[in-house]
Amino acid sequence: MSEARESEFNGKPLLGLYRDKDDVFGFKFGLQKAERILKHIDDIKAFVEKHGKKHAEAVGHAPNIDTDL
């Protein structure tokens, strides 16, 4: 199950999103990007819905917004 981990870089808060507890790379972003993500969360969900079907054909399953992301 994916997880979020908070950290800090140069005194600024970061949020890292990881596939599971063993993922060491994931991706991290700060407060400004988090605010932009929240502002456009519906656009992001629509993007996943639209392109998830193509992804499903390639890998054999569609991403589940609630559990895979």
C-alpha atoms as a PDB file:
ATOM      1  CA  MET A   1       0.000   0.000   0.000  1.00  0.00           C
ATOM      2  CA  SER A   2       1.311   3.461  -0.835  1.00  0.00           C
ATOM      3  CA  GLU A   3       2.366   5.787   1.919  1.00  0.00           C
ATOM      4  CA  ALA A   4       3.234   9.416   2.554  1.00  0.00           C
ATOM      5  CA  ARG A   5       6.267  10.505   4.570  1.00  0.00           C
ATOM      6  CA  GLU A   6       7.118  13.985   5.752  1.00  0.00           C
ATOM      7  CA  SER A   7      10.693  15.222   5.708  1.00  0.00           C
ATOM      8  CA  GLU A   8      12.588  18.488   5.503  1.00  0.00           C
ATOM      9  CA  PHE A   9      15.086  20.063   3.110  1.00  0.00           C
ATOM     10  CA  ASN A  10      16.930  23.288   3.930  1.00  0.00           C
ATOM     11  CA  GLY A  11      14.444  23.948   6.715  1.00  0.00           C
ATOM     12  CA  LYS A  12      11.394  23.582   4.469  1.00  0.00           C
ATOM     13  CA  PRO A  13       8.791  20.819   4.808  1.00  0.00           C
ATOM     14  CA  LEU A  14       8.503  18.152   2.125  1.00  0.00           C
ATOM     15  CA  LEU A  15       5.968  15.431   1.513  1.00  0.00           C
ATOM     16  CA  GLY A  16       7.162  12.236  -0.121  1.00  0.00           C
ATOM     17  CA  LEU A  17       4.805   9.757  -1.761  1.00  0.00           C
ATOM     18  CA  TYR A  18       5.982   6.161  -2.001  1.00  0.00           C
ATOM     19  CA  ARG A  19       4.590   2.943  -3.504  1.00  0.00           C
ATOM     20  CA  ASP A  20       5.154   1.019  -0.264  1.00  0.00           C
ATOM     21  CA  LYS A  21       7.323   0.962   2.873  1.00  0.00           C
ATOM     22  CA  ASP A  22      10.277  -0.438   0.898  1.00  0.00           C
ATOM     23  CA  ASP A  23      10.241   2.297  -1.773  1.00  0.00           C
ATOM     24  CA  VAL A  24      13.289   4.514  -1.270  1.00  0.00           C
ATOM     25  CA  PHE A  25      12.766   6.834  -4.238  1.00  0.00           C
ATOM     26  CA  GLY A  26       9.110   7.869  -4.473  1.00  0.00           C
ATOM     27  CA  PHE A  27       8.724  11.541  -5.238  1.00  0.00           C
ATOM     28  CA  LYS A  28       8.807  14.592  -3.000  1.00  0.00           C
ATOM     29  CA  PHE A  29       7.323  18.059  -3.194  1.00  0.00           C
ATOM     30  CA  GLY A  30       7.018  21.094  -0.982  1.00  0.00           C
ATOM     31  CA  LEU A  31       4.190  23.254   0.239  1.00  0.00           C
ATOM     32  CA  GLN A  32       3.773  25.371  -2.917  1.00  0.00           C
ATOM     33  CA  LYS A  33       3.408  22.326  -5.163  1.00  0.00           C
ATOM     34  CA  ALA A  34       1.120  20.657  -2.613  1.00  0.00           C
ATOM     35  CA  GLU A  35      -1.136  23.724  -2.737  1.00  0.00           C
ATOM     36  CA  ARG A  36      -1.190  23.586  -6.551  1.00  0.00           C
ATOM     37  CA  ILE A  37      -1.990  19.876  -6.461  1.00  0.00           C
ATOM     38  CA  LEU A  38      -4.922  20.503  -4.120  1.00  0.00           C
ATOM     39  CA  LYS A  39      -6.181  23.325  -6.330  1.00  0.00           C
ATOM     40  CA  HIS A  40      -6.173  20.974  -9.331  1.00  0.00           C
ATOM     41  CA  ILE A  41      -7.071  17.670  -7.660  1.00  0.00           C
ATOM     42  CA  ASP A  42     -10.158  17.244  -9.858  1.00  0.00           C
ATOM     43  CA  ASP A  43      -8.031  17.737 -12.983  1.00  0.00           C
ATOM     44  CA  ILE A  44      -5.571  15.131 -11.721  1.00  0.00           C
ATOM     45  CA  LYS A  45      -8.360  12.640 -11.038  1.00  0.00           C
ATOM     46  CA  ALA A  46      -9.810  13.237 -14.521  1.00  0.00           C
ATOM     47  CA  PHE A  47      -6.345  12.712 -16.028  1.00  0.00           C
ATOM     48  CA  VAL A  48      -5.972   9.367 -14.243  1.00  0.00           C
ATOM     49  CA  GLU A  49      -9.459   8.289 -15.304  1.00  0.00           C
ATOM     50  CA  LYS A  50      -8.794   9.275 -18.931  1.00  0.00           C
ATOM     51  CA  HIS A  51      -5.339   7.775 -19.299  1.00  0.00           C
ATOM     52  CA  GLY A  52      -5.711   4.937 -16.804  1.00  0.00           C
ATOM     53  CA  LYS A  53      -7.621   2.926 -19.387  1.00  0.00           C
ATOM     54  CA  LYS A  54      -4.637   3.042 -21.749  1.00  0.00           C
ATOM     55  CA  HIS A  55      -2.359   2.125 -18.867  1.00  0.00           C
ATOM     56  CA  ALA A  56      -4.619  -0.792 -17.945  1.00  0.00           C
ATOM     57  CA  GLU A  57      -4.263  -2.249 -21.420  1.00  0.00           C
ATOM     58  CA  ALA A  58      -0.488  -1.984 -21.195  1.00  0.00           C
ATOM     59  CA  VAL A  59      -0.020  -3.462 -17.716  1.00  0.00           C
ATOM     60  CA  GLY A  60      -3.150  -5.525 -17.237  1.00  0.00           C
ATOM     61  CA  HIS A  61      -5.029  -3.436 -14.669  1.00  0.00           C
ATOM     62  CA  ALA A  62      -6.287   0.097 -14.154  1.00  0.00           C
ATOM     63  CA  PRO A  63      -4.981   2.158 -11.255  1.00  0.00           C
ATOM     64  CA  ASN A  64      -7.356   2.458  -8.343  1.00  0.00           C
ATOM     65  CA  ILE A  65      -7.285   6.064  -7.158  1.00  0.00           C
ATOM     66  CA  ASP A  66      -8.004   5.037  -3.573  1.00  0.00           C
ATOM     67  CA  THR A  67      -5.411   2.271  -3.231  1.00  0.00           C
ATOM     68  CA  ASP A  68      -2.793   2.443  -5.994  1.00  0.00           C
ATOM     69  CA  LEU A  69      -2.036   6.130  -5.966  1.00  0.00           C
END
